Amino acid sequence: MKVRQNLYIDRDLSNALDGLVIRRGGNKSRIVNEALKTFLARGAGKEIDDLLKPRLAVGNARFERFIAQLGRQIAGGKRTLGPDVDGEMP
């Protein structure tokens, strides 16, 4: 089953796609379908993972610092939510 997609692509890519259709025959849908299939098969998921890894490492470091700070506050008797050890709200 085929699903209709409405996509916007750069003018240069559109012109190149038109050129492929003229030189090789066929249609744009078939060419784009095959190109996307090839892109996904060669490990596009890995490329995305490689792009996200640095952001996840930064996020993880920030979370670790937050947990350490929270641990210090709790160990010092200071509560960030609710009343502290003296019964006063922060």
PDB file of N, CA and C in Angstrom:
ATOM      1  N   MET A   1       0.839  -1.171   0.000  1.00  0.00           N
ATOM      2  CA  MET A   1       0.000   0.000   0.000  1.00  0.00           C
ATOM      3  C   MET A   1       0.889   1.241   0.000  1.00  0.00           C
ATOM      4  N   LYS A   2       0.564   2.171  -0.820  1.00  0.00           N
ATOM      5  CA  LYS A   2       1.323   3.406  -0.896  1.00  0.00           C
ATOM      6  C   LYS A   2       0.576   4.508  -0.164  1.00  0.00           C
ATOM      7  N   VAL A   3       1.348   5.392   0.468  1.00  0.00           N
ATOM      8  CA  VAL A   3       0.778   6.497   1.226  1.00  0.00           C
ATOM      9  C   VAL A   3       1.214   7.798   0.565  1.00  0.00           C
ATOM     10  N   ARG A   4       0.289   8.667   0.347  1.00  0.00           N
ATOM     11  CA  ARG A   4       0.602   9.957  -0.276  1.00  0.00           C
ATOM     12  C   ARG A   4       1.268  10.865   0.754  1.00  0.00           C
ATOM     13  N   GLN A   5       2.367  11.514   0.363  1.00  0.00           N
ATOM     14  CA  GLN A   5       3.100  12.443   1.210  1.00  0.00           C
ATOM     15  C   GLN A   5       3.228  13.777   0.486  1.00  0.00           C
ATOM     16  N   ASN A   6       3.083  14.846   1.202  1.00  0.00           N
ATOM     17  CA  ASN A   6       3.326  16.182   0.648  1.00  0.00           C
ATOM     18  C   ASN A   6       4.580  16.715   1.317  1.00  0.00           C
ATOM     19  N   LEU A   7       5.645  16.821   0.562  1.00  0.00           N
ATOM     20  CA  LEU A   7       6.930  17.224   1.100  1.00  0.00           C
ATOM     21  C   LEU A   7       7.425  18.485   0.413  1.00  0.00           C
ATOM     22  N   TYR A   8       8.204  19.248   1.129  1.00  0.00           N
ATOM     23  CA  TYR A   8       8.861  20.413   0.555  1.00  0.00           C
ATOM     24  C   TYR A   8      10.352  20.130   0.516  1.00  0.00           C
ATOM     25  N   ILE A   9      10.963  20.334  -0.645  1.00  0.00           N
ATOM     26  CA  ILE A   9      12.392  20.136  -0.780  1.00  0.00           C
ATOM     27  C   ILE A   9      13.000  21.388  -1.404  1.00  0.00           C
ATOM     28  N   ASP A  10      14.300  21.533  -1.237  1.00  0.00           N
ATOM     29  CA  ASP A  10      14.996  22.687  -1.800  1.00  0.00           C
ATOM     30  C   ASP A  10      14.879  22.699  -3.318  1.00  0.00           C
ATOM     31  N   ARG A  11      14.893  23.901  -3.881  1.00  0.00           N
ATOM     32  CA  ARG A  11      14.775  24.076  -5.336  1.00  0.00           C
ATOM     33  C   ARG A  11      15.872  23.289  -6.063  1.00  0.00           C
ATOM     34  N   ASP A  12      17.111  23.332  -5.543  1.00  0.00           N
ATOM     35  CA  ASP A  12      18.216  22.612  -6.193  1.00  0.00           C
ATOM     36  C   ASP A  12      17.941  21.107  -6.252  1.00  0.00           C
ATOM     37  N   LEU A  13      17.421  20.555  -5.155  1.00  0.00           N
ATOM     38  CA  LEU A  13      17.107  19.126  -5.143  1.00  0.00           C
ATOM     39  C   LEU A  13      15.970  18.804  -6.110  1.00  0.00           C
ATOM     40  N   SER A  14      14.993  19.689  -6.177  1.00  0.00           N
ATOM     41  CA  SER A  14      13.879  19.486  -7.103  1.00  0.00           C
ATOM     42  C   SER A  14      14.367  19.482  -8.547  1.00  0.00           C
ATOM     43  N   ASN A  15      15.269  20.415  -8.868  1.00  0.00           N
ATOM     44  CA  ASN A  15      15.817  20.463 -10.226  1.00  0.00           C
ATOM     45  C   ASN A  15      16.627  19.210 -10.544  1.00  0.00           C
ATOM     46  N   ALA A  16      17.404  18.739  -9.561  1.00  0.00           N
ATOM     47  CA  ALA A  16      18.187  17.519  -9.771  1.00  0.00           C
ATOM     48  C   ALA A  16      17.269  16.313  -9.954  1.00  0.00           C
ATOM     49  N   LEU A  17      16.190  16.273  -9.207  1.00  0.00           N
ATOM     50  CA  LEU A  17      15.220  15.184  -9.342  1.00  0.00           C
ATOM     51  C   LEU A  17      14.563  15.214 -10.719  1.00  0.00           C
ATOM     52  N   ASP A  18      14.213  16.403 -11.176  1.00  0.00           N
ATOM     53  CA  ASP A  18      13.662  16.536 -12.528  1.00  0.00           C
ATOM     54  C   ASP A  18      14.652  16.024 -13.570  1.00  0.00           C
ATOM     55  N   GLY A  19      15.935  16.344 -13.372  1.00  0.00           N
ATOM     56  CA  GLY A  19      16.966  15.886 -14.297  1.00  0.00           C
ATOM     57  C   GLY A  19      17.079  14.372 -14.329  1.00  0.00           C
ATOM     58  N   LEU A  20      16.967  13.740 -13.168  1.00  0.00           N
ATOM     59  CA  LEU A  20      17.012  12.274 -13.120  1.00  0.00           C
ATOM     60  C   LEU A  20      15.841  11.658 -13.875  1.00  0.00           C
ATOM     61  N   VAL A  21      14.680  12.229 -13.714  1.00  0.00           N
ATOM     62  CA  VAL A  21      13.497  11.708 -14.392  1.00  0.00           C
ATOM     63  C   VAL A  21      13.672  11.812 -15.905  1.00  0.00           C
ATOM     64  N   ILE A  22      14.222  12.926 -16.364  1.00  0.00           N
ATOM     65  CA  ILE A  22      14.416  13.123 -17.803  1.00  0.00           C
ATOM     66  C   ILE A  22      15.476  12.162 -18.333  1.00  0.00           C
ATOM     67  N   ARG A  23      16.597  12.021 -17.619  1.00  0.00           N
ATOM     68  CA  ARG A  23      17.702  11.177 -18.110  1.00  0.00           C
ATOM     69  C   ARG A  23      17.405   9.689 -17.996  1.00  0.00           C
ATOM     70  N   ARG A  24      16.834   9.272 -16.883  1.00  0.00           N
ATOM     71  CA  ARG A  24      16.669   7.837 -16.630  1.00  0.00           C
ATOM     72  C   ARG A  24      15.249   7.338 -16.823  1.00  0.00           C
ATOM     73  N   GLY A  25      14.334   8.218 -16.969  1.00  0.00           N
ATOM     74  CA  GLY A  25      12.940   7.795 -17.081  1.00  0.00           C
ATOM     75  C   GLY A  25      12.378   7.478 -15.704  1.00  0.00           C
ATOM     76  N   GLY A  26      11.195   6.950 -15.677  1.00  0.00           N
ATOM     77  CA  GLY A  26      10.552   6.646 -14.405  1.00  0.00           C
ATOM     78  C   GLY A  26       9.792   7.840 -13.887  1.00  0.00           C
ATOM     79  N   ASN A  27       9.634   7.879 -12.574  1.00  0.00           N
ATOM     80  CA  ASN A  27       8.917   8.998 -11.984  1.00  0.00           C
ATOM     81  C   ASN A  27       9.572   9.419 -10.676  1.00  0.00           C
ATOM     82  N   LYS A  28       9.221  10.598 -10.233  1.00  0.00           N
ATOM     83  CA  LYS A  28       9.831  11.165  -9.034  1.00  0.00           C
ATOM     84  C   LYS A  28       9.555  10.304  -7.800  1.00  0.00           C
ATOM     85  N   SER A  29       8.348   9.805  -7.670  1.00  0.00           N
ATOM     86  CA  SER A  29       7.990   9.008  -6.494  1.00  0.00           C
ATOM     87  C   SER A  29       8.883   7.784  -6.364  1.00  0.00           C
ATOM     88  N   ARG A  30       9.103   7.090  -7.472  1.00  0.00           N
ATOM     89  CA  ARG A  30       9.935   5.886  -7.436  1.00  0.00           C
ATOM     90  C   ARG A  30      11.368   6.233  -7.044  1.00  0.00           C
ATOM     91  N   ILE A  31      11.901   7.316  -7.610  1.00  0.00           N
ATOM     92  CA  ILE A  31      13.280   7.716  -7.322  1.00  0.00           C
ATOM     93  C   ILE A  31      13.437   8.108  -5.853  1.00  0.00           C
ATOM     94  N   VAL A  32      12.513   8.912  -5.343  1.00  0.00           N
ATOM     95  CA  VAL A  32      12.584   9.338  -3.946  1.00  0.00           C
ATOM     96  C   VAL A  32      12.385   8.150  -3.019  1.00  0.00           C
ATOM     97  N   ASN A  33      11.469   7.241  -3.353  1.00  0.00           N
ATOM     98  CA  ASN A  33      11.219   6.054  -2.559  1.00  0.00           C
ATOM     99  C   ASN A  33      12.482   5.200  -2.449  1.00  0.00           C
ATOM    100  N   GLU A  34      13.160   4.975  -3.567  1.00  0.00           N
ATOM    101  CA  GLU A  34      14.382   4.172  -3.562  1.00  0.00           C
ATOM    102  C   GLU A  34      15.512   4.872  -2.810  1.00  0.00           C
ATOM    103  N   ALA A  35      15.629   6.187  -2.971  1.00  0.00           N
ATOM    104  CA  ALA A  35      16.677   6.936  -2.275  1.00  0.00           C
ATOM    105  C   ALA A  35      16.464   6.896  -0.762  1.00  0.00           C
ATOM    106  N   LEU A  36      15.226   7.060  -0.329  1.00  0.00           N
ATOM    107  CA  LEU A  36      14.926   7.029   1.093  1.00  0.00           C
ATOM    108  C   LEU A  36      15.153   5.633   1.671  1.00  0.00           C
ATOM    109  N   LYS A  37      14.756   4.631   0.930  1.00  0.00           N
ATOM    110  CA  LYS A  37      14.967   3.249   1.364  1.00  0.00           C
ATOM    111  C   LYS A  37      16.458   2.966   1.545  1.00  0.00           C
ATOM    112  N   THR A  38      17.275   3.420   0.596  1.00  0.00           N
ATOM    113  CA  THR A  38      18.721   3.231   0.677  1.00  0.00           C
ATOM    114  C   THR A  38      19.302   3.984   1.867  1.00  0.00           C
ATOM    115  N   PHE A  39      18.867   5.220   2.062  1.00  0.00           N
ATOM    116  CA  PHE A  39      19.345   6.030   3.180  1.00  0.00           C
ATOM    117  C   PHE A  39      19.057   5.349   4.513  1.00  0.00           C
ATOM    118  N   LEU A  40      17.841   4.858   4.674  1.00  0.00           N
ATOM    119  CA  LEU A  40      17.470   4.212   5.926  1.00  0.00           C
ATOM    120  C   LEU A  40      18.196   2.882   6.115  1.00  0.00           C
ATOM    121  N   ALA A  41      18.405   2.148   5.037  1.00  0.00           N
ATOM    122  CA  ALA A  41      19.068   0.852   5.118  1.00  0.00           C
ATOM    123  C   ALA A  41      20.546   0.983   5.485  1.00  0.00           C
ATOM    124  N   ARG A  42      21.177   2.068   5.092  1.00  0.00           N
ATOM    125  CA  ARG A  42      22.620   2.193   5.359  1.00  0.00           C
ATOM    126  C   ARG A  42      22.923   2.681   6.768  1.00  0.00           C
ATOM    127  N   GLY A  43      21.920   2.828   7.574  1.00  0.00           N
ATOM    128  CA  GLY A  43      22.165   3.164   8.968  1.00  0.00           C
ATOM    129  C   GLY A  43      21.858   4.584   9.340  1.00  0.00           C
ATOM    130  N   ALA A  44      20.804   5.131   8.787  1.00  0.00           N
ATOM    131  CA  ALA A  44      20.428   6.494   9.152  1.00  0.00           C
ATOM    132  C   ALA A  44      20.187   6.591  10.651  1.00  0.00           C
ATOM    133  N   GLY A  45      19.710   5.510  11.247  1.00  0.00           N
ATOM    134  CA  GLY A  45      19.489   5.502  12.688  1.00  0.00           C
ATOM    135  C   GLY A  45      20.777   5.729  13.447  1.00  0.00           C
ATOM    136  N   LYS A  46      21.871   5.143  12.980  1.00  0.00           N
ATOM    137  CA  LYS A  46      23.173   5.333  13.624  1.00  0.00           C
ATOM    138  C   LYS A  46      23.619   6.781  13.498  1.00  0.00           C
ATOM    139  N   GLU A  47      23.378   7.392  12.339  1.00  0.00           N
ATOM    140  CA  GLU A  47      23.747   8.793  12.156  1.00  0.00           C
ATOM    141  C   GLU A  47      22.989   9.685  13.138  1.00  0.00           C
ATOM    142  N   ILE A  48      21.726   9.386  13.325  1.00  0.00           N
ATOM    143  CA  ILE A  48      20.919  10.163  14.274  1.00  0.00           C
ATOM    144  C   ILE A  48      21.429   9.945  15.694  1.00  0.00           C
ATOM    145  N   ASP A  49      21.746   8.684  16.030  1.00  0.00           N
ATOM    146  CA  ASP A  49      22.300   8.398  17.354  1.00  0.00           C
ATOM    147  C   ASP A  49      23.598   9.164  17.579  1.00  0.00           C
ATOM    148  N   ASP A  50      24.452   9.206  16.566  1.00  0.00           N
ATOM    149  CA  ASP A  50      25.721   9.919  16.684  1.00  0.00           C
ATOM    150  C   ASP A  50      25.506  11.411  16.917  1.00  0.00           C
ATOM    151  N   LEU A  51      24.448  11.968  16.351  1.00  0.00           N
ATOM    152  CA  LEU A  51      24.146  13.376  16.560  1.00  0.00           C
ATOM    153  C   LEU A  51      23.592  13.636  17.961  1.00  0.00           C
ATOM    154  N   LEU A  52      22.851  12.679  18.494  1.00  0.00           N
ATOM    155  CA  LEU A  52      22.223  12.868  19.797  1.00  0.00           C
ATOM    156  C   LEU A  52      23.135  12.537  20.976  1.00  0.00           C
ATOM    157  N   LYS A  53      24.131  11.680  20.766  1.00  0.00           N
ATOM    158  CA  LYS A  53      24.996  11.253  21.873  1.00  0.00           C
ATOM    159  C   LYS A  53      25.621  12.414  22.630  1.00  0.00           C
ATOM    160  N   PRO A  54      26.205  13.415  21.966  1.00  0.00           N
ATOM    161  CA  PRO A  54      26.797  14.521  22.738  1.00  0.00           C
ATOM    162  C   PRO A  54      25.765  15.252  23.599  1.00  0.00           C
ATOM    163  N   ARG A  55      24.563  15.415  23.095  1.00  0.00           N
ATOM    164  CA  ARG A  55      23.526  16.100  23.865  1.00  0.00           C
ATOM    165  C   ARG A  55      23.094  15.277  25.067  1.00  0.00           C
ATOM    166  N   LEU A  56      23.017  13.946  24.879  1.00  0.00           N
ATOM    167  CA  LEU A  56      22.649  13.081  25.997  1.00  0.00           C
ATOM    168  C   LEU A  56      23.740  13.097  27.056  1.00  0.00           C
ATOM    169  N   ALA A  57      25.058  13.121  26.613  1.00  0.00           N
ATOM    170  CA  ALA A  57      26.167  13.175  27.600  1.00  0.00           C
ATOM    171  C   ALA A  57      26.086  14.441  28.406  1.00  0.00           C
ATOM    172  N   VAL A  58      25.753  15.614  27.768  1.00  0.00           N
ATOM    173  CA  VAL A  58      25.640  16.890  28.474  1.00  0.00           C
ATOM    174  C   VAL A  58      24.458  16.834  29.437  1.00  0.00           C
ATOM    175  N   GLY A  59      23.341  16.296  28.957  1.00  0.00           N
ATOM    176  CA  GLY A  59      22.157  16.173  29.813  1.00  0.00           C
ATOM    177  C   GLY A  59      22.426  15.286  31.016  1.00  0.00           C
ATOM    178  N   ASN A  60      23.146  14.207  30.796  1.00  0.00           N
ATOM    179  CA  ASN A  60      23.480  13.293  31.885  1.00  0.00           C
ATOM    180  C   ASN A  60      24.372  13.984  32.913  1.00  0.00           C
ATOM    181  N   ALA A  61      25.355  14.747  32.454  1.00  0.00           N
ATOM    182  CA  ALA A  61      26.251  15.467  33.370  1.00  0.00           C
ATOM    183  C   ALA A  61      25.469  16.489  34.196  1.00  0.00           C
ATOM    184  N   ARG A  62      24.547  17.202  33.555  1.00  0.00           N
ATOM    185  CA  ARG A  62      23.733  18.178  34.281  1.00  0.00           C
ATOM    186  C   ARG A  62      22.861  17.498  35.326  1.00  0.00           C
ATOM    187  N   PHE A  63      22.287  16.346  34.973  1.00  0.00           N
ATOM    188  CA  PHE A  63      21.450  15.614  35.912  1.00  0.00           C
ATOM    189  C   PHE A  63      22.286  15.128  37.100  1.00  0.00           C
ATOM    190  N   GLU A  64      23.488  14.637  36.835  1.00  0.00           N
ATOM    191  CA  GLU A  64      24.363  14.170  37.913  1.00  0.00           C
ATOM    192  C   GLU A  64      24.712  15.317  38.864  1.00  0.00           C
ATOM    193  N   ARG A  65      24.985  16.508  38.318  1.00  0.00           N
ATOM    194  CA  ARG A  65      25.281  17.671  39.170  1.00  0.00           C
ATOM    195  C   ARG A  65      24.060  18.046  40.009  1.00  0.00           C
ATOM    196  N   PHE A  66      22.878  17.981  39.398  1.00  0.00           N
ATOM    197  CA  PHE A  66      21.645  18.277  40.122  1.00  0.00           C
ATOM    198  C   PHE A  66      21.452  17.310  41.282  1.00  0.00           C
ATOM    199  N   ILE A  67      21.647  16.025  41.018  1.00  0.00           N
ATOM    200  CA  ILE A  67      21.482  15.004  42.065  1.00  0.00           C
ATOM    201  C   ILE A  67      22.499  15.216  43.183  1.00  0.00           C
ATOM    202  N   ALA A  68      23.738  15.549  42.827  1.00  0.00           N
ATOM    203  CA  ALA A  68      24.765  15.793  43.843  1.00  0.00           C
ATOM    204  C   ALA A  68      24.396  16.996  44.703  1.00  0.00           C
ATOM    205  N   GLN A  69      23.920  18.062  44.063  1.00  0.00           N
ATOM    206  CA  GLN A  69      23.515  19.254  44.804  1.00  0.00           C
ATOM    207  C   GLN A  69      22.343  18.938  45.724  1.00  0.00           C
ATOM    208  N   LEU A  70      21.372  18.207  45.225  1.00  0.00           N
ATOM    209  CA  LEU A  70      20.221  17.822  46.033  1.00  0.00           C
ATOM    210  C   LEU A  70      20.654  16.967  47.217  1.00  0.00           C
ATOM    211  N   GLY A  71      21.587  16.045  46.968  1.00  0.00           N
ATOM    212  CA  GLY A  71      22.109  15.205  48.054  1.00  0.00           C
ATOM    213  C   GLY A  71      22.792  16.031  49.129  1.00  0.00           C
ATOM    214  N   ARG A  72      23.567  17.039  48.728  1.00  0.00           N
ATOM    215  CA  ARG A  72      24.228  17.912  49.695  1.00  0.00           C
ATOM    216  C   ARG A  72      23.196  18.682  50.523  1.00  0.00           C
ATOM    217  N   GLN A  73      22.152  19.164  49.868  1.00  0.00           N
ATOM    218  CA  GLN A  73      21.118  19.910  50.592  1.00  0.00           C
ATOM    219  C   GLN A  73      20.396  19.016  51.595  1.00  0.00           C
ATOM    220  N   ILE A  74      20.078  17.819  51.185  1.00  0.00           N
ATOM    221  CA  ILE A  74      19.386  16.887  52.091  1.00  0.00           C
ATOM    222  C   ILE A  74      20.303  16.500  53.242  1.00  0.00           C
ATOM    223  N   ALA A  75      21.577  16.225  52.945  1.00  0.00           N
ATOM    224  CA  ALA A  75      22.531  15.851  53.988  1.00  0.00           C
ATOM    225  C   ALA A  75      22.736  16.991  54.977  1.00  0.00           C
ATOM    226  N   GLY A  76      22.631  18.222  54.505  1.00  0.00           N
ATOM    227  CA  GLY A  76      22.793  19.376  55.379  1.00  0.00           C
ATOM    228  C   GLY A  76      21.534  19.738  56.134  1.00  0.00           C
ATOM    229  N   GLY A  77      20.479  18.968  55.945  1.00  0.00           N
ATOM    230  CA  GLY A  77      19.236  19.229  56.656  1.00  0.00           C
ATOM    231  C   GLY A  77      18.351  20.259  55.984  1.00  0.00           C
ATOM    232  N   LYS A  78      18.742  20.713  54.815  1.00  0.00           N
ATOM    233  CA  LYS A  78      17.939  21.709  54.108  1.00  0.00           C
ATOM    234  C   LYS A  78      17.021  20.983  53.130  1.00  0.00           C
ATOM    235  N   ARG A  79      15.752  21.323  53.180  1.00  0.00           N
ATOM    236  CA  ARG A  79      14.797  20.716  52.252  1.00  0.00           C
ATOM    237  C   ARG A  79      14.368  21.755  51.252  1.00  0.00           C
ATOM    238  N   THR A  80      14.213  21.332  50.023  1.00  0.00           N
ATOM    239  CA  THR A  80      13.801  22.266  48.990  1.00  0.00           C
ATOM    240  C   THR A  80      12.291  22.300  48.826  1.00  0.00           C
ATOM    241  N   LEU A  81      11.613  21.258  49.250  1.00  0.00           N
ATOM    242  CA  LEU A  81      10.148  21.196  49.193  1.00  0.00           C
ATOM    243  C   LEU A  81       9.616  20.894  50.570  1.00  0.00           C
ATOM    244  N   GLY A  82       8.587  21.592  50.961  1.00  0.00           N
ATOM    245  CA  GLY A  82       7.998  21.361  52.272  1.00  0.00           C
ATOM    246  C   GLY A  82       8.796  22.032  53.374  1.00  0.00           C
ATOM    247  N   PRO A  83       8.379  21.876  54.604  1.00  0.00           N
ATOM    248  CA  PRO A  83       9.064  22.529  55.717  1.00  0.00           C
ATOM    249  C   PRO A  83      10.440  21.906  55.968  1.00  0.00           C
ATOM    250  N   ASP A  84      11.400  22.751  56.424  1.00  0.00           N
ATOM    251  CA  ASP A  84      12.731  22.223  56.740  1.00  0.00           C
ATOM    252  C   ASP A  84      12.714  21.651  58.149  1.00  0.00           C
ATOM    253  N   VAL A  85      13.873  21.328  58.681  1.00  0.00           N
ATOM    254  CA  VAL A  85      13.943  20.671  59.992  1.00  0.00           C
ATOM    255  C   VAL A  85      13.389  21.541  61.118  1.00  0.00           C
ATOM    256  N   ASP A  86      13.363  22.858  60.939  1.00  0.00           N
ATOM    257  CA  ASP A  86      12.806  23.770  61.932  1.00  0.00           C
ATOM    258  C   ASP A  86      11.297  23.958  61.774  1.00  0.00           C
ATOM    259  N   GLY A  87      10.720  23.323  60.760  1.00  0.00           N
ATOM    260  CA  GLY A  87       9.302  23.464  60.512  1.00  0.00           C
ATOM    261  C   GLY A  87       8.940  24.666  59.677  1.00  0.00           C
ATOM    262  N   GLU A  88       9.950  25.370  59.158  1.00  0.00           N
ATOM    263  CA  GLU A  88       9.683  26.544  58.327  1.00  0.00           C
ATOM    264  C   GLU A  88       9.715  26.177  56.859  1.00  0.00           C
ATOM    265  N   MET A  89       8.913  26.900  56.106  1.00  0.00           N
ATOM    266  CA  MET A  89       8.906  26.694  54.654  1.00  0.00           C
ATOM    267  C   MET A  89      10.133  27.362  54.059  1.00  0.00           C
ATOM    268  N   PRO A  90      10.696  26.795  53.017  1.00  0.00           N
ATOM    269  CA  PRO A  90      11.872  27.416  52.389  1.00  0.00           C
ATOM    270  C   PRO A  90      11.553  28.725  51.732  1.00  0.00           C
TER     271      PRO A  90
END
